[in-house]
Protein backbone atom coordinates (compact mmCIF):
# COMPACT_ATOMS: atom_id res chain seq x y z
CA MET A 1 243.73 -49.53 -24.75
CA ARG A 2 244.61 -52.97 -26.12
CA LEU A 3 241.96 -55.52 -26.84
CA ASN A 4 242.23 -58.60 -24.81
CA LYS A 5 243.26 -61.58 -26.85
CA ASN A 6 240.84 -63.65 -24.84
CA LEU A 7 237.75 -61.53 -25.61
CA ASN A 8 234.81 -63.62 -26.60
CA PRO A 9 234.50 -63.94 -30.34
CA THR A 10 230.67 -63.95 -30.06
CA PHE A 11 230.90 -60.51 -28.45
CA LYS A 12 233.07 -59.15 -31.27
CA LEU A 13 230.47 -60.40 -33.89
CA THR A 14 227.52 -58.90 -31.96
CA SER A 15 229.18 -55.59 -31.81
CA LEU A 16 229.86 -55.53 -35.47
CA ALA A 17 226.34 -56.46 -36.29
CA LEU A 18 225.07 -53.64 -34.07
CA CYS A 19 227.32 -51.16 -35.82
CA VAL A 20 225.98 -52.18 -39.21
CA LEU A 21 222.37 -51.99 -37.90
CA LEU A 22 222.96 -48.36 -36.55
CA THR A 23 224.43 -47.28 -39.77
CA ALA A 24 221.48 -48.74 -41.92
CA CYS A 25 219.01 -46.88 -39.70
CA GLY A 26 220.67 -43.58 -39.67
CA GLY A 27 222.14 -44.09 -36.23
CA GLY A 28 225.17 -42.04 -35.21
CA GLY A 29 223.89 -38.92 -37.27
CA SER A 30 224.43 -40.62 -40.60
CA SER A 31 221.96 -40.20 -43.44
CA SER A 32 219.23 -42.91 -44.04
CA LYS A 33 219.18 -45.02 -47.19
CA GLU A 34 215.85 -45.49 -49.28
CA ILE A 35 214.43 -48.97 -49.22
CA THR A 36 213.08 -50.24 -52.45
CA PRO A 37 209.73 -52.06 -51.91
CA GLU A 38 209.28 -55.60 -53.37
CA PRO A 39 207.55 -55.67 -56.79
CA THR A 40 203.95 -56.71 -56.74
CA THR A 41 202.01 -58.93 -59.19
CA PRO A 42 199.29 -56.87 -61.07
CA THR A 43 195.73 -57.96 -60.66
CA THR A 44 193.49 -58.67 -63.55
CA PRO A 45 190.46 -56.38 -63.72
CA THR A 46 187.06 -58.16 -62.99
CA THR A 47 184.47 -58.07 -65.73
CA PRO A 48 181.13 -56.72 -64.31
CA THR A 49 178.29 -59.26 -64.54
CA ALA A 50 174.58 -58.82 -64.99
CA PRO A 51 172.46 -59.05 -61.88
CA THR A 52 170.63 -62.29 -61.04
CA GLN A 53 167.54 -62.74 -63.13
CA GLY A 54 164.51 -64.90 -62.86
CA ASP A 55 163.98 -64.80 -59.11
CA ILE A 56 160.39 -64.95 -58.08
CA ILE A 57 158.97 -61.89 -56.40
CA GLY A 58 155.97 -62.30 -53.95
CA PRO A 59 153.28 -63.35 -53.23
CA HIS A 60 151.82 -59.94 -52.87
CA SER A 61 148.17 -59.96 -51.69
CA THR A 62 145.52 -57.81 -53.59
CA GLY A 63 142.79 -58.60 -51.03
CA SER A 64 139.54 -60.48 -51.54
CA THR A 65 136.75 -60.12 -54.09
CA SER A 66 134.81 -58.11 -51.64
CA GLU A 67 137.74 -56.00 -50.22
CA SER A 68 140.24 -55.86 -53.05
CA VAL A 69 143.31 -53.57 -52.91
CA PHE A 70 146.02 -52.32 -55.34
CA VAL A 71 149.64 -53.40 -55.08
CA TYR A 72 151.80 -50.83 -56.71
CA TYR A 73 155.28 -51.91 -57.97
CA ASP A 74 158.45 -50.08 -58.94
CA LEU A 75 160.35 -52.06 -61.49
CA ASP A 76 163.52 -50.10 -61.17
CA ALA A 77 163.77 -50.43 -57.40
CA LYS A 78 162.06 -53.80 -57.36
CA ALA A 79 159.94 -52.74 -54.54
CA VAL A 80 156.28 -52.11 -53.65
CA VAL A 81 155.19 -48.45 -53.44
CA GLU A 82 152.88 -47.86 -50.59
CA LEU A 83 149.97 -45.52 -51.66
CA ALA A 84 146.91 -44.92 -49.63
CA THR A 85 144.39 -43.94 -52.43
CA GLU A 86 143.77 -44.16 -56.11
CA GLU A 87 143.96 -40.35 -56.31
CA GLU A 88 147.46 -40.47 -54.77
CA ALA A 89 148.45 -43.31 -57.23
CA ALA A 90 147.26 -41.16 -60.23
CA ALA A 91 149.69 -38.43 -59.08
CA ASN A 92 152.57 -40.71 -58.28
CA THR A 93 155.41 -41.02 -60.79
CA VAL A 94 157.31 -43.87 -58.99
CA TRP A 95 155.29 -47.00 -59.54
CA ASP A 96 155.29 -48.62 -63.01
CA ILE A 97 152.81 -51.53 -62.63
CA ALA A 98 149.91 -52.37 -60.44
CA PHE A 99 147.92 -55.37 -59.54
CA LYS A 100 144.35 -55.73 -58.26
CA ARG A 101 142.69 -59.03 -58.24
CA THR A 102 142.82 -60.38 -61.82
CA ASN A 103 143.64 -56.89 -63.33
CA ILE A 104 147.08 -55.54 -64.18
CA TYR A 105 147.45 -51.80 -64.57
CA LEU A 106 150.15 -49.54 -66.20
CA ASN A 107 150.91 -46.06 -64.71
CA GLN A 108 149.59 -43.44 -67.12
CA ASN A 109 150.98 -40.41 -65.28
CA SER A 110 152.27 -38.00 -67.86
CA ASP A 111 155.79 -38.12 -66.19
CA ASN A 112 155.93 -41.84 -66.06
CA ALA A 113 153.67 -43.21 -68.89
CA ILE A 114 154.25 -47.00 -69.04
CA THR A 115 153.59 -49.15 -72.18
CA ALA A 116 153.66 -52.95 -72.55
CA TYR A 117 154.11 -55.55 -75.31
CA ALA A 118 153.20 -59.27 -75.21
CA MET A 119 155.81 -61.45 -76.67
CA GLY A 120 153.47 -64.40 -77.23
CA ASN A 121 156.14 -66.92 -76.47
CA ASN A 122 153.41 -69.47 -75.44
CA SER A 123 151.00 -68.90 -78.33
CA ASP A 124 151.04 -72.74 -78.79
CA PHE A 125 148.88 -72.97 -75.67
CA PHE A 126 146.02 -72.06 -77.91
CA ASP A 127 144.59 -74.11 -80.69
CA ALA A 128 143.85 -72.99 -84.36
CA ASN A 129 140.51 -71.38 -83.21
CA GLY A 130 142.26 -69.46 -80.48
CA ASP A 131 140.77 -71.60 -77.71
CA PRO A 132 143.01 -72.53 -74.78
CA ILE A 133 144.67 -76.05 -74.69
CA ALA A 134 143.89 -76.96 -71.01
CA ALA A 135 146.77 -79.55 -70.80
CA SER A 136 149.35 -76.92 -71.76
CA PHE A 137 148.22 -74.39 -69.08
CA ILE A 138 147.90 -77.13 -66.29
CA ALA A 139 151.41 -78.60 -67.14
CA ALA A 140 153.06 -75.29 -67.11
CA ASN A 141 154.78 -73.96 -63.93
CA ALA A 142 157.53 -71.44 -62.92
CA ASP A 143 160.29 -74.05 -63.35
CA THR A 144 159.33 -75.13 -66.99
CA GLU A 145 158.93 -71.62 -68.17
CA LEU A 146 162.08 -70.10 -66.69
CA ASP A 147 164.21 -70.76 -69.77
CA ASP A 148 162.04 -68.72 -72.04
CA TYR A 149 162.22 -65.93 -69.51
CA LEU A 150 165.93 -65.93 -69.17
CA ALA A 151 166.37 -66.14 -73.02
CA VAL A 152 164.90 -62.69 -73.63
CA LYS A 153 167.53 -60.13 -74.31
CA THR A 154 167.86 -56.59 -75.51
CA SER A 155 167.80 -57.52 -79.28
CA ASP A 156 164.26 -59.09 -78.73
CA ILE A 157 162.83 -55.61 -77.96
CA PRO A 158 160.64 -54.51 -80.97
CA THR A 159 162.03 -51.39 -82.66
CA ASP A 160 158.47 -50.42 -83.70
CA GLU A 161 157.18 -48.36 -80.68
CA THR A 162 153.61 -48.66 -81.79
CA LEU A 163 153.60 -52.34 -80.82
CA PHE A 164 153.87 -51.01 -77.18
CA ILE A 165 150.38 -50.06 -75.90
CA ALA A 166 149.08 -48.29 -72.72
CA ASP A 167 145.93 -48.37 -70.65
CA VAL A 168 143.08 -46.29 -71.99
CA THR A 169 140.28 -44.70 -69.98
CA ALA A 170 136.83 -45.45 -71.33
CA ASN A 171 133.14 -45.78 -70.24
CA ILE A 172 131.78 -49.38 -69.98
CA ILE A 173 128.23 -48.39 -70.95
CA ALA A 174 129.24 -47.00 -74.32
CA GLY A 175 127.75 -47.92 -77.54
CA PHE A 176 124.08 -47.97 -76.71
CA TYR A 177 123.21 -45.70 -79.46
CA ASP A 178 124.30 -45.21 -83.05
CA TYR A 179 124.87 -41.72 -84.74
CA ASN A 180 124.53 -41.11 -88.56
CA SER A 181 126.94 -38.29 -89.27
CA THR A 182 125.22 -37.65 -92.64
CA THR A 183 121.63 -37.31 -91.42
CA HIS A 184 122.64 -36.43 -87.89
CA VAL A 185 119.99 -38.87 -86.61
CA VAL A 186 120.52 -40.83 -83.32
CA SER A 187 118.99 -44.18 -82.97
CA ALA A 188 119.14 -46.98 -80.39
CA ALA A 189 121.87 -49.78 -80.95
CA ASP A 190 119.22 -52.53 -79.98
CA THR A 191 121.64 -55.36 -80.48
CA LYS A 192 124.18 -54.24 -77.96
CA TYR A 193 123.47 -55.67 -74.55
CA PHE A 194 124.97 -54.61 -71.17
CA ILE A 195 124.96 -56.52 -67.91
CA THR A 196 125.20 -54.80 -64.57
CA ASP A 197 126.31 -56.24 -61.26
CA SER A 198 124.69 -54.22 -58.49
CA ASP A 199 123.24 -54.75 -55.04
CA GLY A 200 123.87 -58.61 -55.27
CA ALA A 201 121.86 -58.86 -58.50
CA PHE A 202 122.58 -58.90 -62.27
CA THR A 203 120.54 -57.08 -64.93
CA LYS A 204 120.88 -57.44 -68.58
CA PHE A 205 119.64 -54.40 -70.58
CA ARG A 206 119.68 -52.72 -74.07
CA ALA A 207 118.21 -49.54 -75.55
CA THR A 208 115.57 -50.31 -78.06
CA SER A 209 114.19 -46.67 -78.73
CA ILE A 210 115.63 -43.15 -78.44
CA THR A 211 113.78 -39.82 -79.05
CA THR A 212 116.03 -36.67 -78.98
CA ALA A 213 115.11 -33.43 -77.48
CA GLY A 214 117.28 -30.47 -78.32
CA ARG A 215 120.81 -31.66 -77.73
CA GLY A 216 119.73 -34.50 -75.33
CA ILE A 217 117.68 -37.66 -75.01
CA GLY A 218 114.08 -36.71 -74.64
CA GLN A 219 112.90 -40.38 -74.05
CA ILE A 220 114.69 -43.64 -73.98
CA THR A 221 113.28 -47.10 -73.81
CA LEU A 222 115.22 -49.90 -72.25
CA GLN A 223 114.44 -53.58 -72.35
CA THR A 224 115.71 -55.12 -69.07
CA ALA A 225 116.04 -58.81 -67.76
CA TYR A 226 116.61 -59.27 -64.07
CA GLN A 227 118.51 -61.93 -62.27
CA GLY A 228 118.07 -61.63 -58.44
CA SER A 229 120.14 -63.41 -55.90
CA SER A 230 117.79 -66.33 -55.79
CA ASP A 231 117.53 -66.64 -59.57
CA VAL A 232 119.55 -68.91 -61.73
CA ALA A 233 119.01 -66.99 -64.99
CA PHE A 234 117.77 -63.86 -66.43
CA THR A 235 114.09 -63.21 -66.32
CA THR A 236 112.03 -62.38 -69.56
CA GLU A 237 112.66 -58.73 -70.87
CA GLN A 238 110.36 -55.94 -69.82
CA ALA A 239 110.26 -52.44 -71.04
CA LEU A 240 111.36 -49.52 -69.01
CA VAL A 241 110.43 -46.19 -70.51
CA ILE A 242 112.49 -43.10 -69.18
CA ASP A 243 111.13 -39.61 -69.94
CA ALA A 244 114.33 -37.62 -69.39
CA ALA A 245 112.81 -34.45 -70.90
CA LEU A 246 110.28 -34.37 -68.16
CA THR A 247 112.78 -35.23 -65.40
CA CYS A 248 115.63 -32.81 -66.33
CA SER A 249 114.34 -29.52 -65.21
CA GLY A 250 115.05 -27.16 -62.39
CA ASP A 251 117.83 -28.26 -60.03
CA VAL A 252 117.77 -31.87 -61.22
CA THR A 253 121.08 -32.94 -62.63
CA ALA A 254 120.48 -36.57 -63.72
CA VAL A 255 117.95 -39.18 -64.22
CA TYR A 256 118.21 -42.22 -61.84
CA VAL A 257 117.06 -45.80 -62.52
CA ASP A 258 116.57 -48.75 -60.07
CA PHE A 259 116.70 -52.09 -61.70
CA ASP A 260 115.44 -53.84 -58.68
CA SER A 261 112.07 -52.09 -59.10
CA ASN A 262 112.58 -51.35 -62.80
CA GLN A 263 111.73 -47.80 -62.54
CA GLU A 264 113.03 -44.27 -62.44
CA VAL A 265 113.73 -43.06 -58.77
CA THR A 266 115.40 -40.19 -57.09
CA GLU A 267 119.16 -39.65 -56.19
CA ALA A 268 118.30 -40.36 -52.65
CA ASP A 269 117.01 -43.81 -53.41
CA ALA A 270 119.03 -46.90 -54.20
CA TRP A 271 119.80 -46.66 -57.95
CA ASP A 272 121.86 -48.57 -60.39
CA ILE A 273 122.42 -46.30 -63.41
CA SER A 274 122.03 -42.63 -64.21
CA LEU A 275 121.69 -40.49 -67.22
CA PRO A 276 123.27 -37.00 -66.64
CA CYS A 277 121.05 -34.19 -67.75
CA ALA A 278 122.15 -32.35 -70.99
CA GLU A 279 123.60 -28.82 -70.47
CA ASP A 280 120.41 -27.21 -72.04
CA LYS A 281 118.28 -29.20 -69.69
CA THR A 282 116.13 -30.40 -72.65
CA GLY A 283 116.76 -34.04 -71.76
CA ALA A 284 119.60 -36.41 -70.71
CA SER A 285 123.02 -36.39 -72.29
CA PHE A 286 124.15 -39.43 -74.42
CA GLU A 287 125.83 -41.13 -71.54
CA ILE A 288 124.84 -43.81 -69.03
CA LYS A 289 126.78 -43.97 -65.73
CA LEU A 290 126.92 -46.61 -63.09
CA ALA A 291 126.43 -46.21 -59.43
CA ASP A 292 129.75 -46.07 -57.60
CA ASP A 293 129.26 -49.73 -56.13
CA ALA A 294 128.03 -51.19 -59.44
CA THR A 295 130.08 -52.71 -62.31
CA ALA A 296 128.96 -53.82 -65.76
CA LEU A 297 130.19 -55.86 -68.83
CA GLN A 298 129.43 -55.44 -72.49
CA ASP A 299 127.62 -58.52 -74.02
CA PHE A 300 127.44 -57.32 -77.69
CA GLU A 301 127.12 -60.87 -78.80
CA ASN A 302 124.20 -61.58 -76.52
CA SER A 303 125.99 -64.74 -75.20
CA TYR A 304 124.88 -64.74 -71.57
CA ASN A 305 121.60 -66.16 -70.43
CA ALA A 306 122.66 -66.04 -66.86
CA ILE A 307 125.73 -65.00 -64.66
CA ASP A 308 127.27 -67.49 -62.16
CA PRO A 309 128.04 -65.26 -59.11
CA ALA A 310 131.06 -67.45 -58.36
CA SER A 311 132.43 -66.53 -61.69
CA ALA A 312 131.54 -62.95 -61.87
CA GLU A 313 134.89 -61.64 -60.78
CA PHE A 314 136.69 -63.38 -63.64
CA LEU A 315 134.44 -61.87 -66.21
CA ALA A 316 134.84 -58.56 -67.88
CA PHE A 317 132.89 -56.51 -65.29
CA LYS A 318 134.27 -52.92 -64.93
CA SER A 319 133.29 -49.75 -63.07
CA SER A 320 131.56 -46.90 -65.01
CA SER A 321 134.78 -44.98 -65.99
CA TYR A 322 137.46 -47.76 -66.29
CA SER A 323 140.88 -48.28 -67.61
CA GLU A 324 140.99 -50.42 -70.65
CA ASN A 325 143.96 -52.39 -69.54
CA ALA A 326 146.70 -53.10 -72.06
CA PHE A 327 146.93 -56.60 -70.47
CA LYS A 328 143.29 -57.36 -71.35
CA SER A 329 143.79 -55.92 -74.97
CA PHE A 330 146.53 -58.31 -75.93
CA THR A 331 145.62 -61.30 -78.32
CA HIS A 332 145.40 -63.61 -75.31
CA ASN A 333 144.64 -62.65 -71.58
CA TRP A 334 147.48 -63.34 -69.11
CA TYR A 335 145.29 -66.08 -67.47
CA GLN A 336 142.67 -68.76 -68.39
CA TYR A 337 139.96 -69.58 -65.85
CA ALA A 338 138.22 -72.87 -64.89
CA LEU A 339 140.11 -75.12 -67.28
CA ASN A 340 139.45 -78.25 -65.23
CA GLY A 341 135.84 -77.17 -64.20
CA GLY A 342 136.77 -75.47 -60.97
CA HIS A 343 137.33 -71.89 -60.21
CA LEU A 344 141.17 -71.66 -60.51
CA LEU A 345 143.31 -69.39 -62.84
CA TRP A 346 146.20 -70.58 -64.76
CA SER A 347 148.92 -68.23 -66.05
CA GLN A 348 149.80 -68.51 -69.74
CA PHE A 349 153.37 -67.63 -68.54
CA ASP A 350 153.66 -65.20 -71.41
CA ILE A 351 156.56 -62.74 -71.19
CA TYR A 352 155.72 -59.13 -71.25
CA LEU A 353 158.14 -56.16 -72.07
CA ILE A 354 157.28 -53.23 -69.93
CA LYS A 355 158.76 -49.89 -71.24
CA THR A 356 159.37 -47.13 -68.84
CA PRO A 357 160.85 -43.63 -69.74
CA THR A 358 164.34 -45.08 -68.95
CA ALA A 359 164.49 -48.74 -69.38
CA THR A 360 162.66 -51.90 -70.74
CA HIS A 361 161.71 -54.65 -68.21
CA LYS A 362 160.48 -58.06 -68.80
CA LEU A 363 157.72 -59.50 -66.62
CA GLN A 364 156.21 -63.01 -66.27
CA ILE A 365 153.27 -63.87 -63.97
CA THR A 366 154.15 -67.17 -62.25
CA SER A 367 151.14 -67.61 -59.84
CA TYR A 368 147.81 -65.97 -58.67
CA TYR A 369 147.74 -67.98 -55.39
CA ASP A 370 149.76 -68.13 -52.22
CA GLU A 371 150.83 -71.46 -50.56
CA SER A 372 147.31 -71.87 -49.11
CA VAL A 373 145.80 -71.39 -52.58
CA THR A 374 144.23 -68.14 -51.62
CA SER A 375 143.42 -66.14 -54.76
CA GLY A 376 144.54 -62.60 -55.49
CA ASN A 377 148.24 -63.27 -54.43
CA TYR A 378 150.50 -62.48 -57.19
CA SER A 379 153.93 -63.97 -57.65
CA PHE A 380 155.99 -62.89 -60.74
CA ARG A 381 159.52 -62.37 -62.36
CA ALA A 382 160.65 -58.94 -63.32
CA ASP A 383 163.98 -57.77 -64.47
CA GLU A 384 165.59 -55.16 -66.68
CA VAL A 385 166.28 -56.56 -70.12
CA THR A 386 169.91 -57.12 -70.87
CA GLU A 387 172.02 -58.59 -73.64
CA LEU A 388 173.07 -61.55 -71.49
CA VAL A 389 170.79 -64.60 -71.65
CA GLY A 390 170.42 -67.76 -69.87
CA GLU A 391 172.93 -68.83 -67.28
CA ALA A 392 175.17 -66.06 -68.33
CA ALA A 393 172.90 -63.46 -66.68
CA ASN A 394 172.97 -65.44 -63.49
CA GLU A 395 176.78 -65.85 -63.11
């Protein structure tokens, strides 16, 4: 067949293009051709940055003075660990640090033993005599102390592990007697005073005479000074003679003392302190325990003539068997109290290094109050220590 000379030239071009397209796509049974992809521009790997540091955590409430509660915190997860009882907390290996009113605790579980170190970055908040400079505490806040916190890096961690200390368990009524290891004679430490807080009253006492019986205390004389709820100071001392050798017999396991009546009572009565009977029942063991609802402080310098009930929670009152907190053992406590004559606490904004079995974290207490100035509400900063400092850690 001959092509028509008058065939539309556009039709001829379209047919030719279709033929080319079919050939390129493998049409008509022909083999396909491999298409080379366009080259891509290589991307530059991103450098990982440290997590944001210095963010304030909280406030977390530790309850009121009369109904205080623990807040247990996991530094690695940056989260509160919910635990129902202190016994459960003692067995728990997740939490690292805990707060309860003015006290800060470190986990001492053998599988998660935590230690701490105070950097002393604000040692200039105290004068040459070690007394707090009120203006320095009052002027400090979370913003003014942020740079010091961000500046702490890995190279600031002490290499001397002994500088990190842990909480230690002890008895608050310890040291009421002296023992001569040469003569094996026990005598009363009559210059060491103790003050109990029990049943809404305070009692200041000391041991002035001890007579031994076998392996125990046969007789002990206490000098007691009572401050009831309506009293503004301790009364004059009066003697309380306890004949433990007479009491510790038969099924009796301890000698009980009530400071309200200043006499020995039975376990069924309201009592404030007890002296457990010695194993051989000859008298009391060389130990004084507090009732479960009582606390005490050591006044070895005989510096208290009275206790202000409103200030009692900020003093060193402790339960019978207590944890000697690392945070209370540092050169300066984490807070100062009543700097302007009121009942407020001010943080020193010191930076603490908290060492766990796997990492070292830094901690700074920023406030003890919530927005309504309710006490016992902790806010703080806590981050793992890195080698990046300042703004670099927050990029």
